[in-house]
Amino acid sequence: MVDADQQGVRVSSSVEGLRRTGRFCASSPHHVTAIFKPYYGVDASSTGSVGVGLVVEPRVRVCAPGSLQVESVGISTVSRVLELLGYKASLDIVTPLPPGVGFAVSAASAIASSLAVGACLGFSYRRLLRVAHESEVLERTGLGDVLAISCGVGLAVRLKPGAPGVGDVDCTPLPPGVSILALVVGAQHTRELIRLYVERGLDVKAEAPISRIAESMSFSTFAEEVTKFNIENGLLRELLGDRGEHTVMKTPGIIAAYAKKGVAIVLVESDRVGDAISHLSNLKHKLLTLEQSRGSPEIWVP
C-alpha cells in the first residue's frame, strides 16, 4: 500500500503495478467543515477557503480502470477529473455516504478518482490532489475540502486558502473517548450554502473563531468555538427547528454540535454513545456513526 503523503511524492512502483495488473485503487476520507471563510483567487489553485472541520470515515473507494461508466456515477467532480486528466476509461467507485448533504462526497470522490487514474498515468500525488481541488472549484461543489482531506486526520484547520501545495493546512487527531454522530436532514447545493453564508456576514464572523482554533490547535477550543458559533448564528436551529436544536443540546454526553448544509454533527463522550443514539433517534432523522479518519488518502495496487 502506498500511504498518501501531503508533501507530494511520486506514486511508488506505478509502472510495475500497471504492468502487473493494469489497475490501481485509491481511497479518500470525507470532511465535514464547521466554520469557514471563502477566498477567490486568480485561478482555481489559489481559490479556496480557510476554516475548520473534521476529517471522517468511512472512505470513498475508486479503482481504475473499472466497469462503471462515469456518466452513471452522477458526481460531476469525477467527470471533471477525468476530463482534466484526459482519461476515457471507466471506473469502479463506492461512495458510502450520501452526496449533497455536507460530507464532501464530491471532494472525496474527486480525490480517490484522481489518485487511482493518475497512478495509472504515472502522475505525482500532489499534482493529483491539485486536479481534485481544481475539479471542485470548477464544478462549484466545494472550496477547501480537498485541502482539509489531504491532511487527513481528525481536526483539520485550513490556514491558507488554495489547493494542496498552494494552501496550508494542519491537523491533529481527536482525543480518545470522542464519538462522532451525524443527523442527515436534507440536501443543499454548495453554491447556495456559500451565497447565504456570505449574505449573512458569517464569513466575517468566522474569522475570530477560526483564528482562535488555529492558534491553539486544541480540540477543546474547537468544540467550544464551533458550538458557540452555531448557536449564536442560529445554524442548528435553522436545520433542525427549535425542538431539534433543544434535543441535540440535551444529548447525553454531548461535547459539541454544529450544522453543515443538511447534516448536523454531534460529538459525544464514547462511553455515553448508546444513550446519545437513543436520545437523538427521537428526532426521526437518519442517524449515522462516523469515525475520525485514520490518515490521508491512499493508493494501492489491488
C-alpha atoms as a PDB file:
ATOM      1  CA  MET A   1       0.000   0.000   0.000  1.00  0.00           C
ATOM      2  CA  VAL A   2       1.161   3.496  -0.776  1.00  0.00           C
ATOM      3  CA  ASP A   3       0.416   5.795   2.147  1.00  0.00           C
ATOM      4  CA  ALA A   4      -0.543   9.203   0.815  1.00  0.00           C
ATOM      5  CA  ASP A   5       1.803  11.947   1.943  1.00  0.00           C
ATOM      6  CA  GLN A   6       0.675  15.565   1.976  1.00  0.00           C
ATOM      7  CA  GLN A   7       4.111  16.763   0.896  1.00  0.00           C
ATOM      8  CA  GLY A   8       3.667  15.262  -2.578  1.00  0.00           C
ATOM      9  CA  VAL A   9       5.504  12.074  -3.525  1.00  0.00           C
ATOM     10  CA  ARG A  10       5.636  10.184  -6.771  1.00  0.00           C
ATOM     11  CA  VAL A  11       3.421   7.126  -6.761  1.00  0.00           C
ATOM     12  CA  SER A  12       5.788   4.285  -5.956  1.00  0.00           C
ATOM     13  CA  SER A  13       6.031   1.304  -8.308  1.00  0.00           C
ATOM     14  CA  SER A  14       3.314   2.764 -10.547  1.00  0.00           C
ATOM     15  CA  VAL A  15       4.867   1.457 -13.741  1.00  0.00           C
ATOM     16  CA  GLU A  16       5.484  -2.006 -12.298  1.00  0.00           C
ATOM     17  CA  GLY A  17       1.989  -2.119 -10.834  1.00  0.00           C
ATOM     18  CA  LEU A  18       0.442  -1.142 -14.144  1.00  0.00           C
ATOM     19  CA  ARG A  19       2.477  -3.837 -15.910  1.00  0.00           C
ATOM     20  CA  ARG A  20       1.337  -6.459 -13.416  1.00  0.00           C
ATOM     21  CA  THR A  21      -2.335  -5.625 -13.113  1.00  0.00           C
ATOM     22  CA  GLY A  22      -3.177  -2.618 -15.293  1.00  0.00           C
ATOM     23  CA  ARG A  23      -5.225  -1.346 -12.343  1.00  0.00           C
ATOM     24  CA  PHE A  24      -4.863   0.949  -9.318  1.00  0.00           C
ATOM     25  CA  CYS A  25      -7.207   1.654  -6.417  1.00  0.00           C
ATOM     26  CA  ALA A  26      -7.404   4.685  -4.140  1.00  0.00           C
ATOM     27  CA  SER A  27      -9.439   5.738  -1.138  1.00  0.00           C
ATOM     28  CA  SER A  28     -10.263   9.060   0.476  1.00  0.00           C
ATOM     29  CA  PRO A  29     -11.873  10.067   3.761  1.00  0.00           C
ATOM     30  CA  HIS A  30     -14.636  12.675   3.894  1.00  0.00           C
ATOM     31  CA  HIS A  31     -14.697  16.109   5.519  1.00  0.00           C
ATOM     32  CA  VAL A  32     -17.437  17.989   7.358  1.00  0.00           C
ATOM     33  CA  THR A  33     -16.473  21.636   7.667  1.00  0.00           C
ATOM     34  CA  ALA A  34     -17.716  23.560  10.695  1.00  0.00           C
ATOM     35  CA  ILE A  35     -16.666  27.190  10.156  1.00  0.00           C
ATOM     36  CA  PHE A  36     -15.130  28.665   7.026  1.00  0.00           C
ATOM     37  CA  LYS A  37     -14.313  31.813   5.085  1.00  0.00           C
ATOM     38  CA  PRO A  38     -14.157  31.597   1.264  1.00  0.00           C
ATOM     39  CA  TYR A  39     -11.450  33.218  -0.837  1.00  0.00           C
ATOM     40  CA  TYR A  40     -11.411  33.650  -4.613  1.00  0.00           C
ATOM     41  CA  GLY A  41      -8.006  33.826  -6.257  1.00  0.00           C
ATOM     42  CA  VAL A  42      -6.794  34.437  -9.792  1.00  0.00           C
ATOM     43  CA  ASP A  43      -7.228  30.766 -10.710  1.00  0.00           C
ATOM     44  CA  ALA A  44      -8.617  27.504  -9.361  1.00  0.00           C
ATOM     45  CA  SER A  45      -5.425  26.617  -7.480  1.00  0.00           C
ATOM     46  CA  SER A  46      -5.413  29.856  -5.482  1.00  0.00           C
ATOM     47  CA  THR A  47      -9.171  29.778  -4.838  1.00  0.00           C
ATOM     48  CA  GLY A  48     -10.283  28.065  -1.650  1.00  0.00           C
ATOM     49  CA  SER A  49     -11.161  28.731   1.968  1.00  0.00           C
ATOM     50  CA  VAL A  50      -9.757  28.910   5.453  1.00  0.00           C
ATOM     51  CA  GLY A  51     -11.661  27.137   8.156  1.00  0.00           C
ATOM     52  CA  VAL A  52     -12.003  24.182  10.489  1.00  0.00           C
ATOM     53  CA  GLY A  53     -13.704  20.820  10.247  1.00  0.00           C
ATOM     54  CA  LEU A  54     -13.482  17.099  10.889  1.00  0.00           C
ATOM     55  CA  VAL A  55     -11.951  14.517   8.547  1.00  0.00           C
ATOM     56  CA  VAL A  56     -14.062  11.377   8.868  1.00  0.00           C
ATOM     57  CA  GLU A  57     -14.648   7.861   7.586  1.00  0.00           C
ATOM     58  CA  PRO A  58     -15.976   5.612   6.003  1.00  0.00           C
ATOM     59  CA  ARG A  59     -13.998   6.231   2.815  1.00  0.00           C
ATOM     60  CA  VAL A  60     -14.780   6.592  -0.851  1.00  0.00           C
ATOM     61  CA  ARG A  61     -13.030   3.850  -2.828  1.00  0.00           C
ATOM     62  CA  VAL A  62     -12.206   4.027  -6.552  1.00  0.00           C
ATOM     63  CA  CYS A  63     -10.402   1.570  -8.836  1.00  0.00           C
ATOM     64  CA  ALA A  64      -9.238   2.328 -12.370  1.00  0.00           C
ATOM     65  CA  PRO A  65      -9.840   1.050 -14.908  1.00  0.00           C
ATOM     66  CA  GLY A  66     -13.201  -0.391 -13.875  1.00  0.00           C
ATOM     67  CA  SER A  67     -16.558  -1.413 -15.257  1.00  0.00           C
ATOM     68  CA  LEU A  68     -18.828   1.529 -14.436  1.00  0.00           C
ATOM     69  CA  GLN A  69     -19.354   4.308 -16.945  1.00  0.00           C
ATOM     70  CA  VAL A  70     -18.637   7.632 -15.263  1.00  0.00           C
ATOM     71  CA  GLU A  71     -21.848   9.226 -16.563  1.00  0.00           C
ATOM     72  CA  SER A  72     -23.831   6.835 -14.378  1.00  0.00           C
ATOM     73  CA  VAL A  73     -21.918   7.791 -11.220  1.00  0.00           C
ATOM     74  CA  GLY A  74     -23.715  11.136 -11.016  1.00  0.00           C
ATOM     75  CA  ILE A  75     -20.840  13.023  -9.364  1.00  0.00           C
ATOM     76  CA  SER A  76     -19.772  15.939 -11.525  1.00  0.00           C
ATOM     77  CA  THR A  77     -16.322  16.264  -9.987  1.00  0.00           C
ATOM     78  CA  VAL A  78     -15.426  12.724 -11.071  1.00  0.00           C
ATOM     79  CA  SER A  79     -16.281  13.528 -14.683  1.00  0.00           C
ATOM     80  CA  ARG A  80     -14.302  16.756 -14.396  1.00  0.00           C
ATOM     81  CA  VAL A  81     -11.263  14.895 -13.002  1.00  0.00           C
ATOM     82  CA  LEU A  82     -11.263  12.507 -15.958  1.00  0.00           C
ATOM     83  CA  GLU A  83     -11.594  15.427 -18.340  1.00  0.00           C
ATOM     84  CA  LEU A  84      -8.651  17.243 -16.743  1.00  0.00           C
ATOM     85  CA  LEU A  85      -6.523  14.086 -16.852  1.00  0.00           C
ATOM     86  CA  GLY A  86      -7.592  13.153 -20.373  1.00  0.00           C
ATOM     87  CA  TYR A  87      -8.729   9.701 -19.219  1.00  0.00           C
ATOM     88  CA  LYS A  88     -11.518   7.920 -21.105  1.00  0.00           C
ATOM     89  CA  ALA A  89     -11.844   4.538 -19.363  1.00  0.00           C
ATOM     90  CA  SER A  90     -14.497   3.564 -16.821  1.00  0.00           C
ATOM     91  CA  LEU A  91     -14.120   3.307 -13.031  1.00  0.00           C
ATOM     92  CA  ASP A  92     -15.324   1.252 -10.117  1.00  0.00           C
ATOM     93  CA  ILE A  93     -16.462   3.601  -7.342  1.00  0.00           C
ATOM     94  CA  VAL A  94     -18.013   3.067  -3.903  1.00  0.00           C
ATOM     95  CA  THR A  95     -19.467   6.101  -2.095  1.00  0.00           C
ATOM     96  CA  PRO A  96     -20.697   5.041   1.373  1.00  0.00           C
ATOM     97  CA  LEU A  97     -22.097   8.431   2.482  1.00  0.00           C
ATOM     98  CA  PRO A  98     -24.967  10.351   0.838  1.00  0.00           C
ATOM     99  CA  PRO A  99     -23.981  13.200  -1.505  1.00  0.00           C
ATOM    100  CA  GLY A 100     -25.200  16.770  -1.284  1.00  0.00           C
ATOM    101  CA  VAL A 101     -25.789  16.916   2.473  1.00  0.00           C
ATOM    102  CA  GLY A 102     -22.419  18.099   3.793  1.00  0.00           C
ATOM    103  CA  PHE A 103     -19.992  15.171   3.879  1.00  0.00           C
ATOM    104  CA  ALA A 104     -17.859  16.495   0.979  1.00  0.00           C
ATOM    105  CA  VAL A 105     -18.640  13.420  -1.120  1.00  0.00           C
ATOM    106  CA  SER A 106     -17.754  15.389  -4.253  1.00  0.00           C
ATOM    107  CA  ALA A 107     -14.284  16.190  -2.885  1.00  0.00           C
ATOM    108  CA  ALA A 108     -13.611  12.682  -1.578  1.00  0.00           C
ATOM    109  CA  SER A 109     -14.744  11.159  -4.878  1.00  0.00           C
ATOM    110  CA  ALA A 110     -12.623  13.608  -6.861  1.00  0.00           C
ATOM    111  CA  ILE A 111      -9.569  12.773  -4.773  1.00  0.00           C
ATOM    112  CA  ALA A 112      -9.948   8.998  -4.987  1.00  0.00           C
ATOM    113  CA  SER A 113     -10.698   9.148  -8.722  1.00  0.00           C
ATOM    114  CA  SER A 114      -7.775  11.448  -9.424  1.00  0.00           C
ATOM    115  CA  LEU A 115      -5.345   9.282  -7.437  1.00  0.00           C
ATOM    116  CA  ALA A 116      -6.473   5.982  -8.983  1.00  0.00           C
ATOM    117  CA  VAL A 117      -6.460   7.308 -12.543  1.00  0.00           C
ATOM    118  CA  GLY A 118      -3.333   9.384 -12.061  1.00  0.00           C
ATOM    119  CA  ALA A 119      -1.429   6.382 -10.713  1.00  0.00           C
ATOM    120  CA  CYS A 120      -2.184   4.613 -13.992  1.00  0.00           C
ATOM    121  CA  LEU A 121      -0.777   7.634 -15.810  1.00  0.00           C
ATOM    122  CA  GLY A 122       2.288   7.960 -13.565  1.00  0.00           C
ATOM    123  CA  PHE A 123       1.491  11.411 -12.143  1.00  0.00           C
ATOM    124  CA  SER A 124       2.665  12.620  -8.726  1.00  0.00           C
ATOM    125  CA  TYR A 125       0.481  12.578  -5.650  1.00  0.00           C
ATOM    126  CA  ARG A 126       0.376  16.331  -5.037  1.00  0.00           C
ATOM    127  CA  ARG A 127      -0.353  17.059  -8.698  1.00  0.00           C
ATOM    128  CA  LEU A 128      -3.341  14.729  -8.499  1.00  0.00           C
ATOM    129  CA  LEU A 129      -4.640  16.399  -5.332  1.00  0.00           C
ATOM    130  CA  ARG A 130      -4.469  19.711  -7.186  1.00  0.00           C
ATOM    131  CA  VAL A 131      -6.501  18.182 -10.023  1.00  0.00           C
ATOM    132  CA  ALA A 132      -9.125  17.117  -7.478  1.00  0.00           C
ATOM    133  CA  HIS A 133      -9.198  20.616  -5.962  1.00  0.00           C
ATOM    134  CA  GLU A 134      -9.492  22.220  -9.386  1.00  0.00           C
ATOM    135  CA  SER A 135     -12.409  19.946 -10.268  1.00  0.00           C
ATOM    136  CA  GLU A 136     -14.213  21.043  -7.086  1.00  0.00           C
ATOM    137  CA  VAL A 137     -13.700  24.731  -7.816  1.00  0.00           C
ATOM    138  CA  LEU A 138     -14.723  24.424 -11.467  1.00  0.00           C
ATOM    139  CA  GLU A 139     -17.845  22.443 -10.570  1.00  0.00           C
ATOM    140  CA  ARG A 140     -18.645  24.836  -7.679  1.00  0.00           C
ATOM    141  CA  THR A 141     -19.074  21.913  -5.308  1.00  0.00           C
ATOM    142  CA  GLY A 142     -16.505  22.988  -2.712  1.00  0.00           C
ATOM    143  CA  LEU A 143     -13.598  25.244  -1.855  1.00  0.00           C
ATOM    144  CA  GLY A 144     -11.490  23.812   0.970  1.00  0.00           C
ATOM    145  CA  ASP A 145     -12.464  20.175   1.383  1.00  0.00           C
ATOM    146  CA  VAL A 146      -9.664  18.726  -0.753  1.00  0.00           C
ATOM    147  CA  LEU A 147      -7.070  20.695   1.224  1.00  0.00           C
ATOM    148  CA  ALA A 148      -8.539  19.500   4.543  1.00  0.00           C
ATOM    149  CA  ILE A 149      -8.727  15.876   3.401  1.00  0.00           C
ATOM    150  CA  SER A 150      -5.125  15.996   2.184  1.00  0.00           C
ATOM    151  CA  CYS A 151      -4.020  16.415   5.822  1.00  0.00           C
ATOM    152  CA  GLY A 152      -6.235  13.519   6.628  1.00  0.00           C
ATOM    153  CA  VAL A 153      -6.531  13.146  10.418  1.00  0.00           C
ATOM    154  CA  GLY A 154      -9.213  14.251  12.872  1.00  0.00           C
ATOM    155  CA  LEU A 155      -9.447  18.004  13.327  1.00  0.00           C
ATOM    156  CA  ALA A 156      -8.272  19.836  10.178  1.00  0.00           C
ATOM    157  CA  VAL A 157      -7.557  23.579  10.225  1.00  0.00           C
ATOM    158  CA  ARG A 158      -7.126  25.305   6.872  1.00  0.00           C
ATOM    159  CA  LEU A 159      -4.681  28.147   7.477  1.00  0.00           C
ATOM    160  CA  LYS A 160      -4.202  29.470   3.930  1.00  0.00           C
ATOM    161  CA  PRO A 161      -6.648  29.030   1.032  1.00  0.00           C
ATOM    162  CA  GLY A 162      -5.855  27.127  -2.123  1.00  0.00           C
ATOM    163  CA  ALA A 163      -5.095  23.700  -3.498  1.00  0.00           C
ATOM    164  CA  PRO A 164      -2.719  21.306  -1.716  1.00  0.00           C
ATOM    165  CA  GLY A 165       0.767  22.686  -2.310  1.00  0.00           C
ATOM    166  CA  VAL A 166      -0.654  26.218  -2.565  1.00  0.00           C
ATOM    167  CA  GLY A 167      -2.824  26.434   0.539  1.00  0.00           C
ATOM    168  CA  ASP A 168      -1.746  25.427   4.030  1.00  0.00           C
ATOM    169  CA  VAL A 169      -3.457  23.026   6.420  1.00  0.00           C
ATOM    170  CA  ASP A 170      -2.689  21.489   9.786  1.00  0.00           C
ATOM    171  CA  CYS A 171      -4.479  18.634  11.502  1.00  0.00           C
ATOM    172  CA  THR A 172      -4.439  16.707  14.753  1.00  0.00           C
ATOM    173  CA  PRO A 173      -6.161  13.525  15.971  1.00  0.00           C
ATOM    174  CA  LEU A 174      -9.205  13.831  18.188  1.00  0.00           C
ATOM    175  CA  PRO A 175      -8.612  12.880  21.813  1.00  0.00           C
ATOM    176  CA  PRO A 176      -9.585   9.377  22.965  1.00  0.00           C
ATOM    177  CA  GLY A 177     -13.161   8.896  24.021  1.00  0.00           C
ATOM    178  CA  VAL A 178     -14.833  11.105  21.385  1.00  0.00           C
ATOM    179  CA  SER A 179     -17.532   9.634  19.136  1.00  0.00           C
ATOM    180  CA  ILE A 180     -18.958  11.318  16.041  1.00  0.00           C
ATOM    181  CA  LEU A 181     -22.681  11.113  15.240  1.00  0.00           C
ATOM    182  CA  ALA A 182     -24.366  12.642  12.195  1.00  0.00           C
ATOM    183  CA  LEU A 183     -28.038  13.529  11.716  1.00  0.00           C
ATOM    184  CA  VAL A 184     -28.857  13.627   7.993  1.00  0.00           C
ATOM    185  CA  VAL A 185     -31.699  16.110   7.486  1.00  0.00           C
ATOM    186  CA  GLY A 186     -31.626  17.168   3.823  1.00  0.00           C
ATOM    187  CA  ALA A 187     -29.615  18.301   0.817  1.00  0.00           C
ATOM    188  CA  GLN A 188     -28.347  21.696  -0.291  1.00  0.00           C
ATOM    189  CA  HIS A 189     -26.032  22.705  -3.118  1.00  0.00           C
ATOM    190  CA  THR A 190     -22.730  24.218  -2.057  1.00  0.00           C
ATOM    191  CA  ARG A 191     -23.304  27.270  -4.263  1.00  0.00           C
ATOM    192  CA  GLU A 192     -26.433  28.099  -2.282  1.00  0.00           C
ATOM    193  CA  LEU A 193     -24.703  27.462   1.044  1.00  0.00           C
ATOM    194  CA  ILE A 194     -21.858  29.857   0.221  1.00  0.00           C
ATOM    195  CA  ARG A 195     -24.217  32.528  -1.134  1.00  0.00           C
ATOM    196  CA  LEU A 196     -26.359  32.545   2.003  1.00  0.00           C
ATOM    197  CA  TYR A 197     -23.318  32.299   4.273  1.00  0.00           C
ATOM    198  CA  VAL A 198     -21.743  35.405   2.773  1.00  0.00           C
ATOM    199  CA  GLU A 199     -25.027  37.334   2.550  1.00  0.00           C
ATOM    200  CA  ARG A 200     -25.465  36.898   6.307  1.00  0.00           C
ATOM    201  CA  GLY A 201     -21.911  38.002   7.017  1.00  0.00           C
ATOM    202  CA  LEU A 202     -20.988  34.662   8.534  1.00  0.00           C
ATOM    203  CA  ASP A 203     -17.721  34.667   6.598  1.00  0.00           C
ATOM    204  CA  VAL A 204     -16.666  37.781   8.525  1.00  0.00           C
ATOM    205  CA  LYS A 205     -17.959  36.441  11.840  1.00  0.00           C
ATOM    206  CA  ALA A 206     -15.986  33.236  11.216  1.00  0.00           C
ATOM    207  CA  GLU A 207     -12.605  34.981  11.214  1.00  0.00           C
ATOM    208  CA  ALA A 208     -12.176  35.286  15.006  1.00  0.00           C
ATOM    209  CA  PRO A 209     -13.133  31.706  15.970  1.00  0.00           C
ATOM    210  CA  ILE A 210     -11.032  30.270  13.135  1.00  0.00           C
ATOM    211  CA  SER A 211      -8.049  32.265  14.384  1.00  0.00           C
ATOM    212  CA  ARG A 212      -8.538  31.093  17.958  1.00  0.00           C
ATOM    213  CA  ILE A 213      -8.766  27.461  16.896  1.00  0.00           C
ATOM    214  CA  ALA A 214      -5.752  27.779  14.580  1.00  0.00           C
ATOM    215  CA  GLU A 215      -3.682  29.386  17.318  1.00  0.00           C
ATOM    216  CA  SER A 216      -4.392  26.664  19.861  1.00  0.00           C
ATOM    217  CA  MET A 217      -4.927  23.577  17.627  1.00  0.00           C
ATOM    218  CA  SER A 218      -6.865  22.381  20.651  1.00  0.00           C
ATOM    219  CA  PHE A 219      -9.878  20.096  20.401  1.00  0.00           C
ATOM    220  CA  SER A 220     -11.488  21.753  23.411  1.00  0.00           C
ATOM    221  CA  THR A 221     -11.182  25.175  21.761  1.00  0.00           C
ATOM    222  CA  PHE A 222     -12.654  23.746  18.552  1.00  0.00           C
ATOM    223  CA  ALA A 223     -15.581  22.193  20.424  1.00  0.00           C
ATOM    224  CA  GLU A 224     -16.327  25.415  22.291  1.00  0.00           C
ATOM    225  CA  GLU A 225     -15.964  27.754  19.322  1.00  0.00           C
ATOM    226  CA  VAL A 226     -17.967  25.792  16.744  1.00  0.00           C
ATOM    227  CA  THR A 227     -20.837  25.135  19.145  1.00  0.00           C
ATOM    228  CA  LYS A 228     -20.962  28.803  20.147  1.00  0.00           C
ATOM    229  CA  PHE A 229     -20.821  29.938  16.500  1.00  0.00           C
ATOM    230  CA  ASN A 230     -23.703  27.643  15.550  1.00  0.00           C
ATOM    231  CA  ILE A 231     -25.922  28.576  18.486  1.00  0.00           C
ATOM    232  CA  GLU A 232     -25.320  32.333  18.244  1.00  0.00           C
ATOM    233  CA  ASN A 233     -25.986  32.372  14.495  1.00  0.00           C
ATOM    234  CA  GLY A 234     -28.968  30.010  14.590  1.00  0.00           C
ATOM    235  CA  LEU A 235     -27.449  27.397  12.292  1.00  0.00           C
ATOM    236  CA  LEU A 236     -28.542  24.333  14.253  1.00  0.00           C
ATOM    237  CA  ARG A 237     -31.980  25.837  14.807  1.00  0.00           C
ATOM    238  CA  GLU A 238     -32.442  26.567  11.100  1.00  0.00           C
ATOM    239  CA  LEU A 239     -31.571  22.994  10.199  1.00  0.00           C
ATOM    240  CA  LEU A 240     -33.393  21.156  12.972  1.00  0.00           C
ATOM    241  CA  GLY A 241     -36.022  23.590  14.274  1.00  0.00           C
ATOM    242  CA  ASP A 242     -36.362  24.785  17.872  1.00  0.00           C
ATOM    243  CA  ARG A 243     -37.228  21.338  19.204  1.00  0.00           C
ATOM    244  CA  GLY A 244     -34.412  19.706  17.246  1.00  0.00           C
ATOM    245  CA  GLU A 245     -31.815  22.168  18.488  1.00  0.00           C
ATOM    246  CA  HIS A 246     -33.011  21.712  22.066  1.00  0.00           C
ATOM    247  CA  THR A 247     -32.886  17.928  21.695  1.00  0.00           C
ATOM    248  CA  VAL A 248     -29.353  17.995  20.281  1.00  0.00           C
ATOM    249  CA  MET A 249     -28.052  20.264  23.030  1.00  0.00           C
ATOM    250  CA  LYS A 250     -29.551  17.915  25.655  1.00  0.00           C
ATOM    251  CA  THR A 251     -27.844  14.843  24.166  1.00  0.00           C
ATOM    252  CA  PRO A 252     -26.278  12.649  26.886  1.00  0.00           C
ATOM    253  CA  GLY A 253     -22.519  13.128  26.917  1.00  0.00           C
ATOM    254  CA  ILE A 254     -22.563  15.964  24.381  1.00  0.00           C
ATOM    255  CA  ILE A 255     -19.213  17.648  23.714  1.00  0.00           C
ATOM    256  CA  ALA A 256     -20.008  19.813  20.674  1.00  0.00           C
ATOM    257  CA  ALA A 257     -22.520  20.220  17.860  1.00  0.00           C
ATOM    258  CA  TYR A 258     -22.649  22.025  14.536  1.00  0.00           C
ATOM    259  CA  ALA A 259     -24.580  22.142  11.268  1.00  0.00           C
ATOM    260  CA  LYS A 260     -23.207  21.935   7.724  1.00  0.00           C
ATOM    261  CA  LYS A 261     -25.638  22.137   4.796  1.00  0.00           C
ATOM    262  CA  GLY A 262     -28.118  19.338   5.555  1.00  0.00           C
ATOM    263  CA  VAL A 263     -26.247  17.455   8.269  1.00  0.00           C
ATOM    264  CA  ALA A 264     -25.824  18.050  11.998  1.00  0.00           C
ATOM    265  CA  ILE A 265     -22.647  16.719  13.607  1.00  0.00           C
ATOM    266  CA  VAL A 266     -22.896  15.801  17.285  1.00  0.00           C
ATOM    267  CA  LEU A 267     -19.724  14.899  19.194  1.00  0.00           C
ATOM    268  CA  VAL A 268     -20.319  12.866  22.328  1.00  0.00           C
ATOM    269  CA  GLU A 269     -18.368  11.031  25.003  1.00  0.00           C
ATOM    270  CA  SER A 270     -17.811   7.490  23.761  1.00  0.00           C
ATOM    271  CA  ASP A 271     -18.988   5.894  26.993  1.00  0.00           C
ATOM    272  CA  ARG A 272     -22.354   7.636  26.504  1.00  0.00           C
ATOM    273  CA  VAL A 273     -22.740   6.955  22.787  1.00  0.00           C
ATOM    274  CA  GLY A 274     -25.501   4.359  23.274  1.00  0.00           C
ATOM    275  CA  ASP A 275     -27.569   6.804  25.306  1.00  0.00           C
ATOM    276  CA  ALA A 276     -26.834   9.546  22.787  1.00  0.00           C
ATOM    277  CA  ILE A 277     -28.023   7.434  19.860  1.00  0.00           C
ATOM    278  CA  SER A 278     -31.208   6.501  21.693  1.00  0.00           C
ATOM    279  CA  HIS A 279     -31.834  10.168  22.537  1.00  0.00           C
ATOM    280  CA  LEU A 280     -31.159  11.523  19.018  1.00  0.00           C
ATOM    281  CA  SER A 281     -33.285   8.794  17.414  1.00  0.00           C
ATOM    282  CA  ASN A 282     -36.321  10.651  18.745  1.00  0.00           C
ATOM    283  CA  LEU A 283     -35.770  13.272  16.034  1.00  0.00           C
ATOM    284  CA  LYS A 284     -36.585  10.666  13.336  1.00  0.00           C
ATOM    285  CA  HIS A 285     -33.723  11.732  11.062  1.00  0.00           C
ATOM    286  CA  LYS A 286     -31.266   9.271   9.576  1.00  0.00           C
ATOM    287  CA  LEU A 287     -28.539   8.810  12.168  1.00  0.00           C
ATOM    288  CA  LEU A 288     -25.024   7.731  11.195  1.00  0.00           C
ATOM    289  CA  THR A 289     -21.993   6.830  13.285  1.00  0.00           C
ATOM    290  CA  LEU A 290     -18.721   8.110  11.808  1.00  0.00           C
ATOM    291  CA  GLU A 291     -15.081   7.561  12.713  1.00  0.00           C
ATOM    292  CA  GLN A 292     -12.289  10.098  12.629  1.00  0.00           C
ATOM    293  CA  SER A 293     -10.021   9.435   9.668  1.00  0.00           C
ATOM    294  CA  ARG A 294      -7.025   7.186  10.243  1.00  0.00           C
ATOM    295  CA  GLY A 295      -4.885   9.010   7.690  1.00  0.00           C
ATOM    296  CA  SER A 296      -4.550  10.730   4.345  1.00  0.00           C
ATOM    297  CA  PRO A 297      -5.883   9.405   1.015  1.00  0.00           C
ATOM    298  CA  GLU A 298      -4.188   6.178  -0.105  1.00  0.00           C
ATOM    299  CA  ILE A 299      -3.230   4.464  -3.369  1.00  0.00           C
ATOM    300  CA  TRP A 300      -2.528   0.775  -3.844  1.00  0.00           C
ATOM    301  CA  VAL A 301      -2.215  -2.000  -6.430  1.00  0.00           C
ATOM    302  CA  PRO A 302      -5.087  -4.475  -5.905  1.00  0.00           C
END
